[in-house]
Amino acid sequence: MLDKRSASLSTLRRVIASAVVLLVAAPVLSACVGIPRAGAVFVGDEVSQKDPGGIEYIVDGPGEDDSVEEILRGFINAFKSSGDYDVARQFLSSEFVNDWDPRESVLLHTGASRFVPVTATAMDFVLTPSASVDAAGAYRSFTAAPATLHYEFVQEDGQWRISSAPNGIVLTLGSFQNAFSRQVLYFLDTGGNYLVPDLRWFPVGTAATRVVSAVLAGPPPWLQGAATTSFPEGTQLSSPKRVAVDGQSALIDLTPEALAASEAQRQLMRLQLEASLGRVSSISSVVMSVNGSELPVGEPVRGLPQARLQVDSRPLMLHDGVFGYFANGTVTEIEGLSDRVVALAPRAATLGSSESVAAVLGVDGVSVVRRQGSPTLVDSRTDLVAPSLDGYGYVWSAQRGSTNSLQVLGFGGEQFAFTSNLPVDGEVVGIEVSRDGSRLAILLKSNGGPRLIVSAIIRDTANGQAPLSLGVPILDAVEESGTAVGLAWVDETTVATLVDSGARSAVQAYQVGGFRSPLGSADAAVGIVGANGESGLRIIGADGIVSVRRPSGWQSTQAEASFIATQR
């Protein structure tokens, strides 16, 4: 590893040396450029523009004697191309070309759109957007509604050109998914024990620089209070092209603020970057430097947070009166725990990551079960949903009848002051804390239909990471029909819902910061649990038969269970 990093550093020095020559020739570029902790997001280009993640569109510039409408059509069509929208800029007037900012936002639209003449030198583009991506790559969906974008035109040398246009671009869903790549950034939870994922979308071909810049910007607003960063305040990229890719290494040059980081911080800085660049083609390691000199970082220490936390691939269930992992018709019990769970006549359970504790919904309510000592009843209220656990020793419990019933409890039964800020017009169907403990997914029955909400968990860093409140939802989606049945985390950025529509049950996958997609339907089911990705999803029917997710649909395993437990 040291030889690999040394070789990467040698390449970095060559890259920086070449850049210095350019900087001397062009002093205007010598100022530090990057993303500060506040202000607009900086967008730079990386040395390597190779990214095979999308389809390269070949688009045409303006034609000779194009009409106003043809100019506008060509301009909007050019948004599909990757790069710096050079072709799109050919449609702009000489006075406006440097004023237009294509990276301010992306509007995603579906259905019909039309061009409406306003005057001889003005035209509107009418469309129906349903989502947007901001300058930081954050995706937000909203109720589709017609919108109008206004454009004005002038003639230059007898040719029409656009003299006024809204910042940003517009794309159909299909074009967006080809022109933009899905990236997952990683920050740290406030306790420093977990990596917290944040899904972003960046143009194909500029992913590495955009990812690093976004990581340096720190957690987004929706994660404030739930996540932090290891980078010292003010750390930026030292210039627009200070992310070079050499083989499998990303060579990242930072501003001097990075020198303030301790060795422990530097380990976490590298960890954040390597995890965040994991989806960028070919990058597997990171070398950091400050103004061309390597930032010393030791070999990774044990116990660093991990991305993409995994659980046992075997379903954890109550089968024929025995609680444990099920495989090949046999249940493997958890020593010191399984018998204690069964003794509570359980109806649902969540197992902690260490397998030493479980939150169990039994006939008397929610209890904490540990390998040592007797179970502790922590919530004796009636009509409770399946409880959830987080990694800091807290139990999450709620009654079905009211969104105001959500409680956070200690393993000894102590109740913590907690503000949920949930809508009052719903009934809780399911709750589940993400494995990193930074987000809570809640499924409600609402007047409008099944409603899924995902919010960050704001914690008290001075009081054992006790949950204080929920942040503003990053996801708030309502399905148009059906009855909410259950939910489960599919992976670190996706939640699945189970909705009953009569004789059948449908499963939908919701990316937290992305798109919704159907995962098929099956015979009426009463519960859903997740494991490691879509293939780890399982649903249980009213007859107790467990089915698994397969490319062809939901397939019965012939295994029968009283319930399937959630693993953390």
Protein backbone atom coordinates (compact mmCIF):
# COMPACT_ATOMS: atom_id res chain seq x y z
CA MET A 1 0.00 0.00 0.00
CA LEU A 2 2.85 2.40 0.84
CA ASP A 3 4.56 1.73 -2.51
CA LYS A 4 1.28 2.34 -4.32
CA ARG A 5 0.69 5.61 -2.50
CA SER A 6 4.29 6.72 -3.12
CA ALA A 7 3.92 6.05 -6.84
CA SER A 8 0.66 7.96 -6.85
CA LEU A 9 2.31 10.87 -5.06
CA SER A 10 5.08 10.96 -7.67
CA THR A 11 2.46 11.27 -10.38
CA LEU A 12 0.66 13.93 -8.34
CA ARG A 13 3.84 16.01 -8.16
CA ARG A 14 4.24 15.81 -11.93
CA VAL A 15 0.62 16.87 -12.42
CA ILE A 16 0.99 19.76 -9.99
CA ALA A 17 4.28 20.85 -11.50
CA SER A 18 2.59 21.12 -14.89
CA ALA A 19 -0.28 23.02 -13.35
CA VAL A 20 2.10 25.48 -11.68
CA VAL A 21 3.44 26.49 -15.09
CA LEU A 22 -0.10 27.26 -16.20
CA LEU A 23 -0.81 29.14 -13.01
CA VAL A 24 2.23 31.36 -13.48
CA ALA A 25 1.13 32.09 -17.03
CA ALA A 26 -2.39 32.86 -15.85
CA PRO A 27 -2.27 34.58 -12.42
CA VAL A 28 -6.01 34.92 -12.32
CA LEU A 29 -6.15 31.19 -11.55
CA SER A 30 -3.74 31.36 -8.60
CA ALA A 31 -6.36 32.00 -5.92
CA CYS A 32 -7.61 29.02 -3.92
CA VAL A 33 -10.73 27.56 -5.45
CA GLY A 34 -13.13 25.08 -3.88
CA ILE A 35 -16.19 24.76 -1.74
CA PRO A 36 -16.23 26.75 1.48
CA ARG A 37 -18.46 25.81 4.39
CA ALA A 38 -21.02 28.37 3.25
CA GLY A 39 -21.96 29.83 -0.09
CA ALA A 40 -22.44 28.51 -3.59
CA VAL A 41 -21.16 25.13 -4.68
CA PHE A 42 -17.97 25.27 -6.74
CA VAL A 43 -17.84 23.09 -9.81
CA GLY A 44 -14.44 22.22 -11.31
CA ASP A 45 -13.09 19.85 -13.93
CA GLU A 46 -10.94 16.88 -13.10
CA VAL A 47 -7.78 15.91 -14.93
CA SER A 48 -9.33 12.61 -16.01
CA GLN A 49 -12.69 13.08 -17.67
CA LYS A 50 -13.23 9.36 -18.28
CA ASP A 51 -16.41 7.98 -16.83
CA PRO A 52 -18.15 5.13 -18.63
CA GLY A 53 -21.26 5.41 -16.51
CA GLY A 54 -23.47 7.10 -19.11
CA ILE A 55 -24.21 7.36 -22.81
CA GLU A 56 -22.47 10.06 -24.82
CA TYR A 57 -24.96 12.02 -26.92
CA ILE A 58 -23.80 13.75 -30.09
CA VAL A 59 -25.74 17.01 -30.38
CA ASP A 60 -25.68 19.66 -33.08
CA GLY A 61 -25.04 23.36 -32.74
CA PRO A 62 -27.22 26.02 -34.38
CA GLY A 63 -27.90 25.68 -38.10
CA GLU A 64 -27.71 28.36 -40.73
CA ASP A 65 -30.77 30.65 -40.65
CA ASP A 66 -32.50 28.65 -37.88
CA SER A 67 -35.78 30.14 -36.68
CA VAL A 68 -36.35 31.26 -33.08
CA GLU A 69 -38.10 27.99 -32.29
CA GLU A 70 -35.37 25.91 -33.94
CA ILE A 71 -32.75 27.75 -31.90
CA LEU A 72 -34.63 27.07 -28.68
CA ARG A 73 -35.23 23.42 -29.57
CA GLY A 74 -31.54 22.96 -30.36
CA PHE A 75 -30.51 24.69 -27.13
CA ILE A 76 -32.68 22.44 -24.98
CA ASN A 77 -31.65 19.32 -26.90
CA ALA A 78 -27.98 20.20 -26.26
CA PHE A 79 -28.54 19.79 -22.50
CA LYS A 80 -28.22 16.02 -23.05
CA SER A 81 -24.52 16.23 -23.89
CA SER A 82 -21.89 15.79 -21.22
CA GLY A 83 -18.96 18.12 -20.61
CA ASP A 84 -19.37 21.82 -19.91
CA TYR A 85 -22.40 22.39 -22.16
CA ASP A 86 -20.16 23.86 -24.86
CA VAL A 87 -22.62 23.04 -27.63
CA ALA A 88 -25.52 24.59 -25.70
CA ARG A 89 -23.53 27.81 -25.31
CA GLN A 90 -23.31 28.13 -29.11
CA PHE A 91 -27.01 29.03 -29.09
CA LEU A 92 -26.43 32.03 -26.78
CA SER A 93 -25.69 35.62 -27.75
CA SER A 94 -22.16 36.93 -27.24
CA GLU A 95 -23.32 39.20 -24.39
CA PHE A 96 -25.23 36.44 -22.60
CA VAL A 97 -22.99 33.40 -23.08
CA ASN A 98 -20.96 33.99 -19.92
CA ASP A 99 -23.98 34.91 -17.80
CA TRP A 100 -25.85 31.63 -18.20
CA ASP A 101 -25.14 29.08 -15.42
CA PRO A 102 -26.18 25.58 -16.52
CA ARG A 103 -25.18 23.98 -13.21
CA GLU A 104 -27.55 25.94 -11.00
CA SER A 105 -30.23 23.24 -11.27
CA VAL A 106 -31.77 20.50 -13.35
CA LEU A 107 -35.51 20.22 -13.88
CA LEU A 108 -36.72 16.71 -14.66
CA HIS A 109 -39.92 16.58 -16.68
CA THR A 110 -42.23 13.94 -18.04
CA GLY A 111 -45.06 13.95 -20.52
CA ALA A 112 -45.72 16.45 -23.27
CA SER A 113 -43.98 19.81 -23.55
CA ARG A 114 -44.53 22.64 -26.00
CA PHE A 115 -43.05 25.85 -27.37
CA VAL A 116 -45.29 28.90 -27.18
CA PRO A 117 -44.41 32.10 -29.14
CA VAL A 118 -44.83 35.25 -27.05
CA THR A 119 -43.50 37.93 -29.40
CA ALA A 120 -41.25 37.94 -32.43
CA THR A 121 -38.24 37.89 -30.04
CA ALA A 122 -39.58 35.86 -27.11
CA MET A 123 -40.79 32.31 -26.59
CA ASP A 124 -41.95 30.18 -23.65
CA PHE A 125 -41.17 26.53 -23.05
CA VAL A 126 -44.05 24.89 -21.17
CA LEU A 127 -43.33 21.62 -19.40
CA THR A 128 -44.39 19.56 -16.38
CA PRO A 129 -41.45 19.02 -14.02
CA SER A 130 -41.68 16.44 -11.24
CA ALA A 131 -38.22 16.67 -9.68
CA SER A 132 -35.12 18.83 -9.51
CA VAL A 133 -31.41 18.48 -8.81
CA ASP A 134 -29.65 21.47 -7.28
CA ALA A 135 -26.10 22.73 -7.76
CA ALA A 136 -24.85 20.40 -5.02
CA GLY A 137 -26.31 17.34 -6.77
CA ALA A 138 -29.20 16.90 -4.33
CA TYR A 139 -32.37 15.39 -5.82
CA ARG A 140 -35.84 16.47 -4.73
CA SER A 141 -39.15 15.22 -6.07
CA PHE A 142 -42.40 17.18 -5.91
CA THR A 143 -45.95 17.06 -7.19
CA ALA A 144 -45.87 17.42 -10.96
CA ALA A 145 -47.38 20.72 -12.15
CA PRO A 146 -47.06 22.77 -15.35
CA ALA A 147 -44.23 25.32 -15.42
CA THR A 148 -43.20 27.96 -17.93
CA LEU A 149 -39.62 28.91 -18.81
CA HIS A 150 -39.15 32.19 -20.66
CA TYR A 151 -36.53 32.87 -23.34
CA GLU A 152 -35.64 36.00 -25.31
CA PHE A 153 -33.73 36.32 -28.58
CA VAL A 154 -31.60 38.76 -30.56
CA GLN A 155 -30.00 38.61 -34.00
CA GLU A 156 -26.22 38.56 -34.38
CA ASP A 157 -24.83 38.71 -37.91
CA GLY A 158 -28.29 37.83 -39.19
CA GLN A 159 -28.63 34.72 -36.98
CA TRP A 160 -30.98 34.27 -34.04
CA ARG A 161 -29.37 33.71 -30.66
CA ILE A 162 -30.75 33.48 -27.11
CA SER A 163 -30.17 36.67 -25.13
CA SER A 164 -32.01 35.69 -21.93
CA ALA A 165 -32.72 32.28 -20.40
CA PRO A 166 -33.27 30.78 -16.95
CA ASN A 167 -30.20 29.33 -15.30
CA GLY A 168 -30.01 25.56 -15.14
CA ILE A 169 -31.10 22.91 -17.61
CA VAL A 170 -34.13 20.73 -18.26
CA LEU A 171 -34.03 17.02 -19.08
CA THR A 172 -36.41 14.15 -19.51
CA LEU A 173 -36.02 11.35 -16.99
CA GLY A 174 -34.35 9.09 -19.54
CA SER A 175 -31.86 11.74 -20.63
CA PHE A 176 -31.06 12.59 -17.02
CA GLN A 177 -30.24 9.00 -16.10
CA ASN A 178 -27.81 8.81 -19.03
CA ALA A 179 -26.21 12.24 -18.56
CA PHE A 180 -25.88 12.09 -14.76
CA SER A 181 -24.30 9.47 -12.52
CA ARG A 182 -25.46 8.37 -9.07
CA GLN A 183 -22.88 8.93 -6.35
CA VAL A 184 -22.99 8.34 -2.60
CA LEU A 185 -21.11 10.78 -0.39
CA TYR A 186 -20.12 9.82 3.14
CA PHE A 187 -20.02 11.96 6.24
CA LEU A 188 -19.64 10.95 9.90
CA ASP A 189 -22.38 10.56 12.44
CA THR A 190 -22.08 12.91 15.42
CA GLY A 191 -20.68 10.12 17.59
CA GLY A 192 -17.94 9.35 15.09
CA ASN A 193 -18.84 5.66 14.93
CA TYR A 194 -20.66 5.42 11.60
CA LEU A 195 -20.36 6.64 8.04
CA VAL A 196 -23.53 8.45 6.98
CA PRO A 197 -24.47 8.17 3.27
CA ASP A 198 -25.90 11.00 1.19
CA LEU A 199 -27.05 10.28 -2.36
CA ARG A 200 -26.09 12.86 -5.02
CA TRP A 201 -26.29 13.16 -8.81
CA PHE A 202 -23.44 14.61 -10.88
CA PRO A 203 -22.84 15.03 -14.64
CA VAL A 204 -21.07 12.08 -16.22
CA GLY A 205 -17.41 12.91 -16.82
CA THR A 206 -16.90 15.28 -13.88
CA ALA A 207 -17.75 12.90 -11.06
CA ALA A 208 -14.46 12.74 -9.13
CA THR A 209 -14.00 16.50 -8.75
CA ARG A 210 -17.68 17.05 -8.00
CA VAL A 211 -17.68 14.28 -5.36
CA VAL A 212 -14.59 15.61 -3.58
CA SER A 213 -15.87 19.18 -3.68
CA ALA A 214 -19.21 18.11 -2.22
CA VAL A 215 -17.54 16.13 0.58
CA LEU A 216 -15.43 19.16 1.49
CA ALA A 217 -18.60 21.26 1.66
CA GLY A 218 -19.78 19.19 4.64
CA PRO A 219 -23.14 17.62 5.42
CA PRO A 220 -26.18 19.01 3.56
CA PRO A 221 -28.87 20.96 5.44
CA TRP A 222 -31.13 17.93 5.95
CA LEU A 223 -28.34 16.11 7.83
CA GLN A 224 -27.34 19.03 10.05
CA GLY A 225 -27.29 17.82 13.65
CA ALA A 226 -27.15 14.19 12.53
CA ALA A 227 -23.83 14.17 10.68
CA THR A 228 -20.50 15.98 10.66
CA THR A 229 -17.19 15.86 8.81
CA SER A 230 -13.56 15.13 9.69
CA PHE A 231 -12.15 17.95 7.53
CA PRO A 232 -10.95 21.10 9.35
CA GLU A 233 -13.09 24.17 8.80
CA GLY A 234 -12.34 25.90 5.51
CA THR A 235 -10.56 23.00 3.80
CA GLN A 236 -10.97 23.27 0.03
CA LEU A 237 -9.45 21.98 -3.16
CA SER A 238 -6.31 23.99 -3.88
CA SER A 239 -7.45 24.71 -7.46
CA PRO A 240 -10.12 23.60 -9.93
CA LYS A 241 -8.04 20.68 -11.24
CA ARG A 242 -6.59 19.36 -8.02
CA VAL A 243 -8.30 15.96 -8.32
CA ALA A 244 -6.17 13.83 -10.63
CA VAL A 245 -6.79 10.15 -11.28
CA ASP A 246 -3.72 7.97 -11.63
CA GLY A 247 -4.68 4.36 -12.21
CA GLN A 248 -6.77 3.39 -9.22
CA SER A 249 -5.70 6.33 -7.04
CA ALA A 250 -7.30 9.74 -6.69
CA LEU A 251 -4.66 12.39 -6.04
CA ILE A 252 -6.26 15.23 -4.12
CA ASP A 253 -4.50 18.51 -3.35
CA LEU A 254 -6.00 20.55 -0.49
CA THR A 255 -5.56 24.01 0.96
CA PRO A 256 -3.41 24.55 4.10
CA GLU A 257 -6.40 24.31 6.47
CA ALA A 258 -6.06 20.54 6.13
CA LEU A 259 -2.75 20.69 8.02
CA ALA A 260 -4.65 21.37 11.25
CA ALA A 261 -6.07 17.84 11.24
CA SER A 262 -4.75 15.37 13.78
CA GLU A 263 -3.63 11.89 12.74
CA ALA A 264 -7.01 10.50 13.79
CA GLN A 265 -8.77 13.15 11.71
CA ARG A 266 -6.58 12.42 8.72
CA GLN A 267 -7.51 8.76 8.91
CA LEU A 268 -11.17 9.76 8.81
CA MET A 269 -10.59 12.32 6.05
CA ARG A 270 -9.09 9.64 3.85
CA LEU A 271 -11.86 7.24 4.82
CA GLN A 272 -14.57 9.74 3.83
CA LEU A 273 -12.94 10.38 0.48
CA GLU A 274 -12.24 6.74 -0.35
CA ALA A 275 -15.77 5.70 0.56
CA SER A 276 -17.29 8.61 -1.38
CA LEU A 277 -15.20 7.90 -4.48
CA GLY A 278 -16.00 4.19 -4.36
CA ARG A 279 -18.57 4.44 -7.17
CA VAL A 280 -16.29 6.49 -9.44
CA SER A 281 -14.81 4.22 -12.08
CA SER A 282 -11.48 2.60 -11.15
CA ILE A 283 -10.78 4.62 -7.98
CA SER A 284 -9.94 2.49 -4.94
CA SER A 285 -7.54 4.65 -2.93
CA VAL A 286 -6.80 8.27 -2.11
CA VAL A 287 -3.57 10.22 -1.67
CA MET A 288 -3.97 13.65 -0.05
CA SER A 289 -1.51 16.52 -0.31
CA VAL A 290 -1.34 20.19 0.63
CA ASN A 291 0.05 22.51 -2.02
CA GLY A 292 1.86 19.59 -3.63
CA SER A 293 3.37 18.06 -0.49
CA GLU A 294 1.98 14.78 0.76
CA LEU A 295 -0.23 14.98 3.83
CA PRO A 296 1.13 12.17 6.01
CA VAL A 297 -1.48 9.59 6.94
CA GLY A 298 -0.60 6.31 8.60
CA GLU A 299 -1.90 2.91 7.65
CA PRO A 300 -5.63 2.50 8.45
CA VAL A 301 -6.22 1.74 12.11
CA ARG A 302 -8.66 -0.86 13.37
CA GLY A 303 -12.16 0.18 14.33
CA LEU A 304 -12.73 2.85 11.68
CA PRO A 305 -16.36 3.32 10.61
CA GLN A 306 -17.53 1.20 7.70
CA ALA A 307 -19.67 2.02 4.71
CA ARG A 308 -22.46 -0.24 3.48
CA LEU A 309 -22.96 -2.15 6.72
CA GLN A 310 -23.96 -5.77 6.15
CA VAL A 311 -25.96 -8.30 8.15
CA ASP A 312 -26.26 -12.09 8.14
CA SER A 313 -27.72 -13.19 4.81
CA ARG A 314 -29.87 -15.83 6.50
CA PRO A 315 -33.36 -14.73 7.53
CA LEU A 316 -33.82 -14.30 11.29
CA MET A 317 -37.21 -15.72 12.20
CA LEU A 318 -39.45 -17.51 14.66
CA HIS A 319 -39.92 -20.94 13.03
CA ASP A 320 -41.84 -23.74 14.70
CA GLY A 321 -41.36 -22.13 18.10
CA VAL A 322 -37.59 -21.60 17.69
CA PHE A 323 -35.98 -18.18 17.16
CA GLY A 324 -32.81 -17.91 15.12
CA TYR A 325 -31.24 -17.91 11.65
CA PHE A 326 -33.02 -20.15 9.17
CA ALA A 327 -31.22 -22.10 6.43
CA ASN A 328 -31.86 -25.45 4.76
CA GLY A 329 -34.85 -26.18 6.96
CA THR A 330 -32.88 -25.69 10.18
CA VAL A 331 -32.88 -22.87 12.72
CA THR A 332 -29.54 -21.86 14.25
CA GLU A 333 -30.25 -20.29 17.62
CA ILE A 334 -28.41 -17.31 19.09
CA GLU A 335 -26.76 -18.52 22.26
CA GLY A 336 -28.14 -16.89 25.38
CA LEU A 337 -30.72 -14.88 23.47
CA SER A 338 -33.08 -17.09 21.47
CA ASP A 339 -34.75 -18.79 24.44
CA ARG A 340 -35.28 -15.44 26.17
CA VAL A 341 -36.97 -14.05 23.05
CA VAL A 342 -39.28 -17.05 22.70
CA ALA A 343 -40.32 -16.78 26.36
CA LEU A 344 -41.95 -13.41 25.62
CA ALA A 345 -44.41 -14.90 23.09
CA PRO A 346 -42.95 -12.57 20.46
CA ARG A 347 -44.76 -11.04 17.49
CA ALA A 348 -41.85 -8.96 16.16
CA ALA A 349 -38.22 -8.28 17.02
CA THR A 350 -35.13 -6.30 16.05
CA LEU A 351 -31.68 -7.76 16.73
CA GLY A 352 -28.75 -5.48 17.55
CA SER A 353 -25.60 -5.62 15.45
CA SER A 354 -23.60 -7.36 18.18
CA GLU A 355 -26.23 -10.11 18.60
CA SER A 356 -26.16 -9.39 22.32
CA VAL A 357 -29.41 -7.44 22.55
CA ALA A 358 -32.84 -7.47 20.93
CA ALA A 359 -35.96 -5.30 21.15
CA VAL A 360 -38.94 -7.64 21.22
CA LEU A 361 -42.66 -6.96 20.81
CA GLY A 362 -44.44 -9.52 22.98
CA VAL A 363 -47.82 -9.92 24.65
CA ASP A 364 -46.94 -7.40 27.36
CA GLY A 365 -45.37 -4.78 25.09
CA VAL A 366 -41.81 -3.99 23.99
CA SER A 367 -38.99 -5.53 26.00
CA VAL A 368 -35.21 -5.36 25.83
CA VAL A 369 -33.67 -8.82 25.88
CA ARG A 370 -29.99 -9.36 26.63
CA ARG A 371 -27.82 -12.43 27.09
CA GLN A 372 -27.36 -11.59 30.73
CA GLY A 373 -30.17 -10.83 33.15
CA SER A 374 -33.91 -10.86 32.77
CA PRO A 375 -35.78 -9.06 29.96
CA THR A 376 -36.75 -5.46 30.73
CA LEU A 377 -40.22 -4.26 29.74
CA VAL A 378 -39.66 -0.73 28.41
CA ASP A 379 -43.03 0.05 26.78
CA SER A 380 -46.25 -1.49 28.07
CA ARG A 381 -48.64 0.52 25.89
CA THR A 382 -51.16 -1.30 23.73
CA ASP A 383 -51.28 -1.67 19.94
CA LEU A 384 -47.53 -1.16 19.42
CA VAL A 385 -45.72 -1.54 16.10
CA ALA A 386 -42.52 -3.55 15.74
CA PRO A 387 -39.76 -1.73 17.68
CA SER A 388 -36.45 -0.54 16.28
CA LEU A 389 -32.95 -0.20 17.77
CA ASP A 390 -30.03 2.11 17.16
CA GLY A 391 -26.35 1.57 17.82
CA TYR A 392 -26.22 3.94 20.80
CA GLY A 393 -28.45 1.90 23.08
CA TYR A 394 -31.91 3.33 22.39
CA VAL A 395 -35.21 1.61 21.61
CA TRP A 396 -37.73 3.25 19.28
CA SER A 397 -41.36 2.42 19.90
CA ALA A 398 -44.73 3.73 18.71
CA GLN A 399 -48.42 2.96 18.85
CA ARG A 400 -50.38 2.50 15.66
CA GLY A 401 -53.08 5.00 16.50
CA SER A 402 -51.11 8.23 16.70
CA THR A 403 -47.99 9.84 15.23
CA ASN A 404 -47.55 11.59 18.58
CA SER A 405 -46.90 8.21 20.21
CA LEU A 406 -43.32 7.81 18.96
CA GLN A 407 -41.00 7.35 21.96
CA VAL A 408 -37.28 6.88 22.51
CA LEU A 409 -36.40 4.65 25.45
CA GLY A 410 -33.23 3.47 27.17
CA PHE A 411 -32.49 -0.19 27.73
CA GLY A 412 -33.57 0.26 31.32
CA GLY A 413 -36.93 1.74 30.35
CA GLU A 414 -36.04 5.40 30.89
CA GLN A 415 -37.88 7.71 28.48
CA PHE A 416 -36.09 10.56 26.72
CA ALA A 417 -37.62 13.86 25.68
CA PHE A 418 -38.02 13.63 21.94
CA THR A 419 -39.78 15.77 19.32
CA SER A 420 -40.94 13.87 16.25
CA ASN A 421 -42.56 16.69 14.22
CA LEU A 422 -44.62 14.06 12.39
CA PRO A 423 -47.88 15.01 10.63
CA VAL A 424 -50.86 14.61 12.95
CA ASP A 425 -53.22 13.21 10.32
CA GLY A 426 -51.62 9.79 10.10
CA GLU A 427 -51.34 6.46 11.87
CA VAL A 428 -47.99 4.78 12.39
CA VAL A 429 -47.61 1.45 10.58
CA GLY A 430 -43.87 0.90 10.84
CA ILE A 431 -40.63 2.52 12.04
CA GLU A 432 -37.04 1.54 11.32
CA VAL A 433 -33.74 3.25 12.13
CA SER A 434 -31.03 2.97 9.46
CA ARG A 435 -28.05 0.82 10.41
CA ASP A 436 -25.83 3.89 10.70
CA GLY A 437 -28.32 5.33 13.21
CA SER A 438 -28.58 8.69 11.43
CA ARG A 439 -32.01 8.37 9.80
CA LEU A 440 -35.47 7.13 10.71
CA ALA A 441 -37.91 5.73 8.15
CA ILE A 442 -41.60 5.88 9.10
CA LEU A 443 -44.57 4.44 7.21
CA LEU A 444 -47.96 6.01 7.90
CA LYS A 445 -51.54 5.44 6.97
CA SER A 446 -52.78 8.84 5.84
CA ASN A 447 -55.87 10.33 4.25
CA GLY A 448 -54.01 10.53 0.94
CA GLY A 449 -52.73 6.95 1.06
CA PRO A 450 -49.63 5.15 2.37
CA ARG A 451 -47.05 7.79 3.29
CA LEU A 452 -43.29 7.20 3.68
CA ILE A 453 -41.18 9.73 5.57
CA VAL A 454 -37.41 9.61 6.05
CA SER A 455 -35.76 12.16 8.33
CA ALA A 456 -32.39 12.65 9.98
CA ILE A 457 -32.12 11.90 13.70
CA ILE A 458 -30.80 14.91 15.61
CA ARG A 459 -28.80 13.73 18.63
CA ASP A 460 -27.53 15.24 21.88
CA THR A 461 -23.75 14.95 21.59
CA ALA A 462 -23.34 15.93 25.26
CA ASN A 463 -25.71 13.26 26.54
CA GLY A 464 -24.76 9.87 25.16
CA GLN A 465 -26.03 10.61 21.64
CA ALA A 466 -29.60 10.62 22.93
CA PRO A 467 -32.07 11.37 20.11
CA LEU A 468 -33.56 14.86 20.44
CA SER A 469 -35.74 15.29 17.36
CA LEU A 470 -36.26 14.50 13.71
CA GLY A 471 -34.98 16.86 11.04
CA VAL A 472 -36.84 18.15 8.00
CA PRO A 473 -37.75 15.10 5.87
CA ILE A 474 -35.44 14.27 3.00
CA LEU A 475 -38.18 12.00 1.68
CA ASP A 476 -41.94 12.45 2.05
CA ALA A 477 -43.84 10.36 -0.49
CA VAL A 478 -47.49 9.35 -0.70
CA GLU A 479 -48.69 6.37 -2.73
CA GLU A 480 -51.99 6.98 -4.45
CA SER A 481 -53.78 3.81 -3.39
CA GLY A 482 -53.61 0.76 -1.16
CA THR A 483 -53.18 0.15 2.55
CA ALA A 484 -49.80 0.57 4.23
CA VAL A 485 -48.50 -2.72 5.65
CA GLY A 486 -44.78 -2.41 6.38
CA LEU A 487 -41.37 -1.00 5.47
CA ALA A 488 -37.72 -2.03 5.51
CA TRP A 489 -34.32 -0.58 4.67
CA VAL A 490 -33.16 -2.30 1.48
CA ASP A 491 -29.65 -0.87 1.71
CA GLU A 492 -28.07 2.29 3.09
CA THR A 493 -29.88 4.63 0.67
CA THR A 494 -33.10 2.76 -0.17
CA VAL A 495 -36.31 2.01 1.72
CA ALA A 496 -38.95 -0.46 0.55
CA THR A 497 -42.65 -0.23 1.36
CA LEU A 498 -45.21 -3.01 1.39
CA VAL A 499 -48.72 -1.91 0.40
CA ASP A 500 -51.83 -4.10 0.30
CA SER A 501 -54.21 -3.64 -2.62
CA GLY A 502 -56.66 -6.42 -1.85
CA ALA A 503 -55.67 -9.86 -3.06
CA ARG A 504 -52.14 -8.66 -3.90
CA SER A 505 -49.39 -6.74 -2.15
CA ALA A 506 -47.03 -4.38 -3.98
CA VAL A 507 -43.46 -3.48 -3.02
CA GLN A 508 -41.95 -0.12 -3.94
CA ALA A 509 -38.30 0.93 -3.55
CA TYR A 510 -37.58 4.56 -2.64
CA GLN A 511 -34.08 5.97 -2.99
CA VAL A 512 -33.42 8.49 -0.23
CA GLY A 513 -32.38 11.30 -2.55
CA GLY A 514 -33.40 9.59 -5.77
CA PHE A 515 -36.11 7.73 -7.62
CA ARG A 516 -38.97 5.39 -6.83
CA SER A 517 -39.16 2.04 -8.60
CA PRO A 518 -41.57 -0.91 -8.37
CA LEU A 519 -40.25 -4.23 -7.04
CA GLY A 520 -43.22 -6.30 -8.14
CA SER A 521 -46.26 -7.71 -6.41
CA ALA A 522 -47.08 -10.97 -4.65
CA ASP A 523 -49.95 -12.67 -2.90
CA ALA A 524 -51.19 -10.69 0.09
CA ALA A 525 -48.33 -10.22 2.56
CA VAL A 526 -48.27 -9.05 6.17
CA GLY A 527 -44.64 -8.06 6.65
CA ILE A 528 -41.34 -7.15 4.95
CA VAL A 529 -37.71 -7.16 6.14
CA GLY A 530 -34.44 -6.16 4.50
CA ALA A 531 -30.93 -7.59 4.54
CA ASN A 532 -28.21 -6.79 2.00
CA GLY A 533 -29.75 -5.23 -1.10
CA GLU A 534 -32.80 -6.15 -3.15
CA SER A 535 -31.92 -9.84 -3.22
CA GLY A 536 -32.03 -9.84 0.58
CA LEU A 537 -35.59 -8.53 0.79
CA ARG A 538 -38.15 -10.97 2.21
CA ILE A 539 -41.89 -10.75 2.64
CA ILE A 540 -44.10 -12.99 4.74
CA GLY A 541 -47.63 -13.93 3.72
CA ALA A 542 -50.70 -14.25 5.88
CA ASP A 543 -50.10 -18.00 5.79
CA GLY A 544 -46.58 -17.53 7.19
CA ILE A 545 -44.80 -18.51 3.96
CA VAL A 546 -41.66 -16.48 3.30
CA SER A 547 -40.89 -15.20 -0.21
CA VAL A 548 -37.67 -13.67 -1.53
CA ARG A 549 -36.99 -11.08 -4.21
CA ARG A 550 -35.74 -12.50 -7.51
CA PRO A 551 -35.23 -10.81 -10.93
CA SER A 552 -38.34 -12.60 -12.17
CA GLY A 553 -40.46 -11.53 -9.18
CA TRP A 554 -41.26 -12.77 -5.70
CA GLN A 555 -40.48 -16.44 -5.21
CA SER A 556 -41.72 -18.63 -2.36
CA THR A 557 -39.04 -20.27 -0.22
CA GLN A 558 -41.54 -22.78 1.20
CA ALA A 559 -40.19 -21.78 4.63
CA GLU A 560 -42.85 -20.96 7.19
CA ALA A 561 -42.43 -18.45 10.02
CA SER A 562 -44.48 -16.76 12.70
CA PHE A 563 -42.54 -13.57 11.89
CA ILE A 564 -39.23 -12.45 10.38
CA ALA A 565 -37.06 -10.24 12.57
CA THR A 566 -35.06 -7.17 11.51
CA GLN A 567 -31.28 -7.31 11.77
CA ARG A 568 -29.18 -4.23 12.47
